[in-house]
Amino acid sequence: MFTGIVESMGRVRGIKRGAQSFQIDIQAETILDDVKLGDSIAVNGVCLTVTSYDAQHFIADVMPETMDKTTLKNLKPGDHVNLERALRVGDRLGGHIVQGHVDAVGIIKAKENRDIAYVYTIKAPAPVLHYTVPKGSITIDGVSLTVIDVLPDSFTVSLIPHSADQTILGRKQAGDYVNLESDILGRYIEKLLKTGGDKETSSLSVSFLAENGFL
């Protein structure tokens, strides 16, 4: 479990590719002070398991499913990546609940300056847009962001200077691909509304969710 608040940028030191998977070696000094074998680290929003490490880098395996569904397959030595350690109980939840399970890959259609901010228009597949709402949360390359608007085939978000400077999103341009994870809470709510939960005891409804601040 993550929050979408990137702790640091790492750098890809090396990649060992297999037929349908690969092993990635990432330089990441600032987040490795308390790392252990088997720990989860989000790399560009993808939850990976630490299989080896020292004080300056860690290694993780990327399985075929992850290669198929994320942009990690496009990484090469020297590329920078967003890094976040798993959430600890008691930590502040500065972003939103992020699983590190990428739903789809999007593409940046446009990037424009608005005063101090960058506004990105990101083309996304319909299943992601289905759970994307204005003022809601979405994770882009591991960064928790607030949606400005939702369009027929895309959505817009805004980055403050700090987020642009401290994450790889500030380096992204129109035409670049990004990992997208929709808000898990929206998916759970939809399923509960469709199934009705326990039909004998459930009082869950759209009006109930609205009255209690969920909608």
C-alpha atoms as a PDB file:
ATOM      1  CA  MET A   1       0.000   0.000   0.000  1.00  0.00           C
ATOM      2  CA  PHE A   2       1.296   3.452  -0.966  1.00  0.00           C
ATOM      3  CA  THR A   3       0.120   7.072  -0.880  1.00  0.00           C
ATOM      4  CA  GLY A   4       1.321   8.459  -4.210  1.00  0.00           C
ATOM      5  CA  ILE A   5       3.729  10.857  -2.475  1.00  0.00           C
ATOM      6  CA  VAL A   6       7.060  10.230  -4.236  1.00  0.00           C
ATOM      7  CA  GLU A   7       9.978  10.151  -1.807  1.00  0.00           C
ATOM      8  CA  SER A   8      12.810  10.485  -4.295  1.00  0.00           C
ATOM      9  CA  MET A   9      13.902   9.890  -7.842  1.00  0.00           C
ATOM     10  CA  GLY A  10      16.155   6.937  -8.538  1.00  0.00           C
ATOM     11  CA  ARG A  11      18.168   6.036 -11.616  1.00  0.00           C
ATOM     12  CA  VAL A  12      18.221   2.784 -13.556  1.00  0.00           C
ATOM     13  CA  ARG A  13      21.716   1.270 -13.275  1.00  0.00           C
ATOM     14  CA  GLY A  14      21.106  -1.815 -15.348  1.00  0.00           C
ATOM     15  CA  ILE A  15      18.539  -4.195 -16.797  1.00  0.00           C
ATOM     16  CA  LYS A  16      18.905  -7.950 -17.406  1.00  0.00           C
ATOM     17  CA  ARG A  17      16.237  -8.984 -19.891  1.00  0.00           C
ATOM     18  CA  GLY A  18      14.705 -12.421 -20.252  1.00  0.00           C
ATOM     19  CA  ALA A  19      12.261 -13.679 -22.855  1.00  0.00           C
ATOM     20  CA  GLN A  20       9.190 -12.182 -21.145  1.00  0.00           C
ATOM     21  CA  SER A  21      10.552 -10.615 -17.974  1.00  0.00           C
ATOM     22  CA  PHE A  22      13.547  -8.694 -16.690  1.00  0.00           C
ATOM     23  CA  GLN A  23      15.543  -7.825 -13.598  1.00  0.00           C
ATOM     24  CA  ILE A  24      16.057  -4.149 -12.854  1.00  0.00           C
ATOM     25  CA  ASP A  25      18.841  -2.535 -10.809  1.00  0.00           C
ATOM     26  CA  ILE A  26      17.979   0.925  -9.431  1.00  0.00           C
ATOM     27  CA  GLN A  27      20.244   3.436  -7.712  1.00  0.00           C
ATOM     28  CA  ALA A  28      18.305   4.831  -4.760  1.00  0.00           C
ATOM     29  CA  GLU A  29      20.383   5.936  -1.791  1.00  0.00           C
ATOM     30  CA  THR A  30      17.854   8.061   0.099  1.00  0.00           C
ATOM     31  CA  ILE A  31      15.142   5.411   0.597  1.00  0.00           C
ATOM     32  CA  LEU A  32      17.294   2.411   1.465  1.00  0.00           C
ATOM     33  CA  ASP A  33      18.181   3.209   5.085  1.00  0.00           C
ATOM     34  CA  ASP A  34      15.592   0.754   6.459  1.00  0.00           C
ATOM     35  CA  VAL A  35      15.046  -1.579   3.500  1.00  0.00           C
ATOM     36  CA  LYS A  36      14.726  -5.354   3.960  1.00  0.00           C
ATOM     37  CA  LEU A  37      14.532  -8.253   1.548  1.00  0.00           C
ATOM     38  CA  GLY A  38      10.944  -8.691   0.385  1.00  0.00           C
ATOM     39  CA  ASP A  39       9.997  -5.049   0.975  1.00  0.00           C
ATOM     40  CA  SER A  40       7.737  -3.328  -1.552  1.00  0.00           C
ATOM     41  CA  ILE A  41       8.894  -0.209  -3.400  1.00  0.00           C
ATOM     42  CA  ALA A  42       6.761   1.587  -5.972  1.00  0.00           C
ATOM     43  CA  VAL A  43       8.744   2.328  -9.136  1.00  0.00           C
ATOM     44  CA  ASN A  44       6.859   4.755 -11.385  1.00  0.00           C
ATOM     45  CA  GLY A  45       3.730   3.596  -9.586  1.00  0.00           C
ATOM     46  CA  VAL A  46       4.426  -0.124  -9.977  1.00  0.00           C
ATOM     47  CA  CYS A  47       4.773  -2.181  -6.794  1.00  0.00           C
ATOM     48  CA  LEU A  48       8.033  -4.188  -7.003  1.00  0.00           C
ATOM     49  CA  THR A  49       9.621  -6.529  -4.459  1.00  0.00           C
ATOM     50  CA  VAL A  50      13.208  -5.981  -3.320  1.00  0.00           C
ATOM     51  CA  THR A  51      15.226  -9.136  -4.036  1.00  0.00           C
ATOM     52  CA  SER A  52      18.705  -7.738  -3.336  1.00  0.00           C
ATOM     53  CA  TYR A  53      20.143  -4.441  -2.116  1.00  0.00           C
ATOM     54  CA  ASP A  54      23.020  -2.518  -0.579  1.00  0.00           C
ATOM     55  CA  ALA A  55      23.349   1.054   0.690  1.00  0.00           C
ATOM     56  CA  GLN A  56      23.107   2.572  -2.771  1.00  0.00           C
ATOM     57  CA  HIS A  57      20.885   0.401  -4.939  1.00  0.00           C
ATOM     58  CA  PHE A  58      18.290  -2.362  -5.029  1.00  0.00           C
ATOM     59  CA  ILE A  59      17.278  -5.063  -7.479  1.00  0.00           C
ATOM     60  CA  ALA A  60      13.755  -6.240  -8.322  1.00  0.00           C
ATOM     61  CA  ASP A  61      12.168  -8.676 -10.749  1.00  0.00           C
ATOM     62  CA  VAL A  62       9.607  -7.505 -13.312  1.00  0.00           C
ATOM     63  CA  MET A  63       7.260 -10.308 -14.356  1.00  0.00           C
ATOM     64  CA  PRO A  64       5.537 -10.727 -17.761  1.00  0.00           C
ATOM     65  CA  GLU A  65       2.193  -9.289 -16.550  1.00  0.00           C
ATOM     66  CA  THR A  66       3.962  -6.116 -15.405  1.00  0.00           C
ATOM     67  CA  MET A  67       5.805  -5.824 -18.705  1.00  0.00           C
ATOM     68  CA  ASP A  68       2.514  -6.116 -20.604  1.00  0.00           C
ATOM     69  CA  LYS A  69       0.561  -3.587 -18.542  1.00  0.00           C
ATOM     70  CA  THR A  70       3.089  -0.855 -17.625  1.00  0.00           C
ATOM     71  CA  THR A  71       5.737   1.443 -19.055  1.00  0.00           C
ATOM     72  CA  LEU A  72       8.542  -0.300 -17.153  1.00  0.00           C
ATOM     73  CA  LYS A  73       9.312  -2.322 -20.296  1.00  0.00           C
ATOM     74  CA  ASN A  74      10.497   0.906 -21.945  1.00  0.00           C
ATOM     75  CA  LEU A  75      13.071   1.760 -19.270  1.00  0.00           C
ATOM     76  CA  LYS A  76      16.760   1.779 -20.123  1.00  0.00           C
ATOM     77  CA  PRO A  77      19.957   2.382 -18.113  1.00  0.00           C
ATOM     78  CA  GLY A  78      20.275   6.021 -17.111  1.00  0.00           C
ATOM     79  CA  ASP A  79      16.529   6.690 -16.953  1.00  0.00           C
ATOM     80  CA  HIS A  80      15.160   8.315 -13.804  1.00  0.00           C
ATOM     81  CA  VAL A  81      12.222   6.773 -11.928  1.00  0.00           C
ATOM     82  CA  ASN A  82       9.833   7.819  -9.152  1.00  0.00           C
ATOM     83  CA  LEU A  83      10.297   5.865  -5.908  1.00  0.00           C
ATOM     84  CA  GLU A  84       8.097   5.421  -2.844  1.00  0.00           C
ATOM     85  CA  ARG A  85       8.396   2.967   0.028  1.00  0.00           C
ATOM     86  CA  ALA A  86       5.302   1.161   1.255  1.00  0.00           C
ATOM     87  CA  LEU A  87       3.090   2.998   3.749  1.00  0.00           C
ATOM     88  CA  ARG A  88       3.727   2.280   7.431  1.00  0.00           C
ATOM     89  CA  VAL A  89       0.917   2.200   9.972  1.00  0.00           C
ATOM     90  CA  GLY A  90       0.825   5.608  11.651  1.00  0.00           C
ATOM     91  CA  ASP A  91       2.240   7.530   8.666  1.00  0.00           C
ATOM     92  CA  ARG A  92       0.399  10.582   7.360  1.00  0.00           C
ATOM     93  CA  LEU A  93      -1.687   9.777   4.284  1.00  0.00           C
ATOM     94  CA  GLY A  94      -0.615  12.802   2.259  1.00  0.00           C
ATOM     95  CA  GLY A  95      -1.975  11.531  -1.064  1.00  0.00           C
ATOM     96  CA  HIS A  96      -4.594   8.804  -1.368  1.00  0.00           C
ATOM     97  CA  ILE A  97      -4.717   5.009  -1.101  1.00  0.00           C
ATOM     98  CA  VAL A  98      -2.529   3.598  -3.887  1.00  0.00           C
ATOM     99  CA  GLN A  99      -2.000  -0.110  -4.490  1.00  0.00           C
ATOM    100  CA  GLY A 100       0.843   0.058  -6.977  1.00  0.00           C
ATOM    101  CA  HIS A 101      -1.252  -2.045  -9.386  1.00  0.00           C
ATOM    102  CA  VAL A 102      -1.278  -0.179 -12.693  1.00  0.00           C
ATOM    103  CA  ASP A 103      -4.592  -0.277 -14.573  1.00  0.00           C
ATOM    104  CA  ALA A 104      -3.377   0.965 -17.938  1.00  0.00           C
ATOM    105  CA  VAL A 105      -0.859   3.070 -19.811  1.00  0.00           C
ATOM    106  CA  GLY A 106      -1.870   6.582 -20.861  1.00  0.00           C
ATOM    107  CA  ILE A 107      -0.232   9.093 -23.176  1.00  0.00           C
ATOM    108  CA  ILE A 108       0.359  12.799 -22.585  1.00  0.00           C
ATOM    109  CA  LYS A 109      -1.596  14.700 -25.261  1.00  0.00           C
ATOM    110  CA  ALA A 110      -0.590  18.179 -24.141  1.00  0.00           C
ATOM    111  CA  LYS A 111       1.485  19.995 -21.528  1.00  0.00           C
ATOM    112  CA  GLU A 112       1.011  23.698 -20.928  1.00  0.00           C
ATOM    113  CA  ASN A 113       2.141  26.320 -18.442  1.00  0.00           C
ATOM    114  CA  ARG A 114      -0.501  28.101 -16.383  1.00  0.00           C
ATOM    115  CA  ASP A 115       1.254  30.643 -14.185  1.00  0.00           C
ATOM    116  CA  ILE A 116       3.372  28.523 -11.779  1.00  0.00           C
ATOM    117  CA  ALA A 117       1.730  25.214 -12.693  1.00  0.00           C
ATOM    118  CA  TYR A 118       1.929  22.661 -15.488  1.00  0.00           C
ATOM    119  CA  VAL A 119      -1.386  21.335 -16.784  1.00  0.00           C
ATOM    120  CA  TYR A 120      -1.280  17.924 -18.459  1.00  0.00           C
ATOM    121  CA  THR A 121      -3.945  16.459 -20.719  1.00  0.00           C
ATOM    122  CA  ILE A 122      -3.627  12.687 -20.616  1.00  0.00           C
ATOM    123  CA  LYS A 123      -5.339  10.309 -23.010  1.00  0.00           C
ATOM    124  CA  ALA A 124      -6.595   7.243 -21.140  1.00  0.00           C
ATOM    125  CA  PRO A 125      -8.563   4.109 -22.020  1.00  0.00           C
ATOM    126  CA  ALA A 126     -12.267   3.959 -21.209  1.00  0.00           C
ATOM    127  CA  PRO A 127     -11.931   1.614 -18.178  1.00  0.00           C
ATOM    128  CA  VAL A 128      -9.704   4.196 -16.438  1.00  0.00           C
ATOM    129  CA  LEU A 129     -11.890   7.164 -17.402  1.00  0.00           C
ATOM    130  CA  HIS A 130     -14.906   5.307 -16.004  1.00  0.00           C
ATOM    131  CA  TYR A 131     -13.455   5.741 -12.487  1.00  0.00           C
ATOM    132  CA  THR A 132     -12.033   9.235 -13.055  1.00  0.00           C
ATOM    133  CA  VAL A 133     -14.031  12.191 -11.734  1.00  0.00           C
ATOM    134  CA  PRO A 134     -13.310  15.936 -11.417  1.00  0.00           C
ATOM    135  CA  LYS A 135     -11.654  16.713  -8.054  1.00  0.00           C
ATOM    136  CA  GLY A 136     -11.060  12.978  -7.565  1.00  0.00           C
ATOM    137  CA  SER A 137      -7.681  11.285  -7.244  1.00  0.00           C
ATOM    138  CA  ILE A 138      -5.617   9.400  -9.796  1.00  0.00           C
ATOM    139  CA  THR A 139      -2.070   8.049  -9.733  1.00  0.00           C
ATOM    140  CA  ILE A 140       0.245   8.920 -12.626  1.00  0.00           C
ATOM    141  CA  ASP A 141       3.677   7.268 -12.647  1.00  0.00           C
ATOM    142  CA  GLY A 142       3.266   6.806  -8.903  1.00  0.00           C
ATOM    143  CA  VAL A 143       2.267  10.422  -8.203  1.00  0.00           C
ATOM    144  CA  SER A 144      -1.053  11.118  -6.479  1.00  0.00           C
ATOM    145  CA  LEU A 145      -2.768  13.956  -8.351  1.00  0.00           C
ATOM    146  CA  THR A 146      -6.160  15.671  -8.330  1.00  0.00           C
ATOM    147  CA  VAL A 147      -8.206  15.522 -11.516  1.00  0.00           C
ATOM    148  CA  ILE A 148      -9.212  18.907 -12.958  1.00  0.00           C
ATOM    149  CA  ASP A 149     -11.590  17.778 -15.674  1.00  0.00           C
ATOM    150  CA  VAL A 150     -12.668  14.622 -17.513  1.00  0.00           C
ATOM    151  CA  LEU A 151     -13.055  14.677 -21.297  1.00  0.00           C
ATOM    152  CA  PRO A 152     -14.447  12.007 -23.657  1.00  0.00           C
ATOM    153  CA  ASP A 153     -11.042  10.363 -24.195  1.00  0.00           C
ATOM    154  CA  SER A 154      -8.782  12.041 -21.646  1.00  0.00           C
ATOM    155  CA  PHE A 155      -8.486  13.953 -18.379  1.00  0.00           C
ATOM    156  CA  THR A 156      -6.471  16.898 -17.076  1.00  0.00           C
ATOM    157  CA  VAL A 157      -4.307  17.321 -13.988  1.00  0.00           C
ATOM    158  CA  SER A 158      -2.093  20.096 -12.669  1.00  0.00           C
ATOM    159  CA  LEU A 159       1.398  19.896 -11.151  1.00  0.00           C
ATOM    160  CA  ILE A 160       2.781  22.435  -8.706  1.00  0.00           C
ATOM    161  CA  PRO A 161       6.490  23.351  -9.119  1.00  0.00           C
ATOM    162  CA  HIS A 162       7.531  21.047  -6.245  1.00  0.00           C
ATOM    163  CA  SER A 163       5.923  17.991  -7.856  1.00  0.00           C
ATOM    164  CA  ALA A 164       7.421  18.890 -11.223  1.00  0.00           C
ATOM    165  CA  ASP A 165      10.908  19.285  -9.717  1.00  0.00           C
ATOM    166  CA  GLN A 166      10.876  16.245  -7.454  1.00  0.00           C
ATOM    167  CA  THR A 167       9.320  13.653  -9.800  1.00  0.00           C
ATOM    168  CA  ILE A 168       9.879  12.477 -13.351  1.00  0.00           C
ATOM    169  CA  LEU A 169       6.560  14.015 -14.394  1.00  0.00           C
ATOM    170  CA  GLY A 170       8.228  17.414 -14.676  1.00  0.00           C
ATOM    171  CA  ARG A 171      10.457  15.967 -17.410  1.00  0.00           C
ATOM    172  CA  LYS A 172       7.631  14.388 -19.368  1.00  0.00           C
ATOM    173  CA  GLN A 173       6.432  15.950 -22.606  1.00  0.00           C
ATOM    174  CA  ALA A 174       3.561  15.498 -25.047  1.00  0.00           C
ATOM    175  CA  GLY A 175       3.814  12.044 -26.614  1.00  0.00           C
ATOM    176  CA  ASP A 176       5.317  10.380 -23.521  1.00  0.00           C
ATOM    177  CA  TYR A 177       3.634   7.364 -21.946  1.00  0.00           C
ATOM    178  CA  VAL A 178       2.654   7.163 -18.254  1.00  0.00           C
ATOM    179  CA  ASN A 179       1.364   4.508 -15.845  1.00  0.00           C
ATOM    180  CA  LEU A 180      -2.202   5.072 -14.602  1.00  0.00           C
ATOM    181  CA  GLU A 181      -3.933   3.690 -11.516  1.00  0.00           C
ATOM    182  CA  SER A 182      -7.516   4.698 -10.813  1.00  0.00           C
ATOM    183  CA  ASP A 183      -8.864   5.244  -7.301  1.00  0.00           C
ATOM    184  CA  ILE A 184      -9.577   1.841  -5.707  1.00  0.00           C
ATOM    185  CA  LEU A 185     -12.356   3.315  -3.542  1.00  0.00           C
ATOM    186  CA  GLY A 186     -14.425   4.110  -6.623  1.00  0.00           C
ATOM    187  CA  ARG A 187     -14.157   0.531  -7.841  1.00  0.00           C
ATOM    188  CA  TYR A 188     -15.232  -0.895  -4.491  1.00  0.00           C
ATOM    189  CA  ILE A 189     -18.189   1.486  -4.245  1.00  0.00           C
ATOM    190  CA  GLU A 190     -19.327   0.562  -7.751  1.00  0.00           C
ATOM    191  CA  LYS A 191     -19.204  -3.154  -6.981  1.00  0.00           C
ATOM    192  CA  LEU A 192     -21.151  -2.727  -3.747  1.00  0.00           C
ATOM    193  CA  LEU A 193     -23.797  -0.685  -5.529  1.00  0.00           C
ATOM    194  CA  LYS A 194     -24.129  -3.300  -8.285  1.00  0.00           C
ATOM    195  CA  THR A 195     -24.321  -6.306  -5.972  1.00  0.00           C
ATOM    196  CA  GLY A 196     -26.255  -4.601  -3.186  1.00  0.00           C
ATOM    197  CA  GLY A 197     -24.013  -6.227  -0.576  1.00  0.00           C
ATOM    198  CA  ASP A 198     -26.012  -8.421   1.825  1.00  0.00           C
ATOM    199  CA  LYS A 199     -29.509  -7.981   0.379  1.00  0.00           C
ATOM    200  CA  GLU A 200     -31.131  -8.754   3.740  1.00  0.00           C
ATOM    201  CA  THR A 201     -29.237  -6.211   5.816  1.00  0.00           C
ATOM    202  CA  SER A 202     -27.511  -3.740   3.483  1.00  0.00           C
ATOM    203  CA  SER A 203     -28.760  -0.148   3.366  1.00  0.00           C
ATOM    204  CA  LEU A 204     -26.062   0.971   0.929  1.00  0.00           C
ATOM    205  CA  SER A 205     -27.400   3.278  -1.786  1.00  0.00           C
ATOM    206  CA  VAL A 206     -26.354   6.298  -3.822  1.00  0.00           C
ATOM    207  CA  SER A 207     -28.315   8.593  -1.469  1.00  0.00           C
ATOM    208  CA  PHE A 208     -26.624   7.019   1.580  1.00  0.00           C
ATOM    209  CA  LEU A 209     -23.154   7.588   0.078  1.00  0.00           C
ATOM    210  CA  ALA A 210     -24.008  11.200  -0.805  1.00  0.00           C
ATOM    211  CA  GLU A 211     -25.389  11.946   2.660  1.00  0.00           C
ATOM    212  CA  ASN A 212     -22.215  10.636   4.292  1.00  0.00           C
ATOM    213  CA  GLY A 213     -19.774  12.528   2.111  1.00  0.00           C
ATOM    214  CA  PHE A 214     -18.617   9.740  -0.219  1.00  0.00           C
ATOM    215  CA  LEU A 215     -20.107  11.345  -3.359  1.00  0.00           C
END
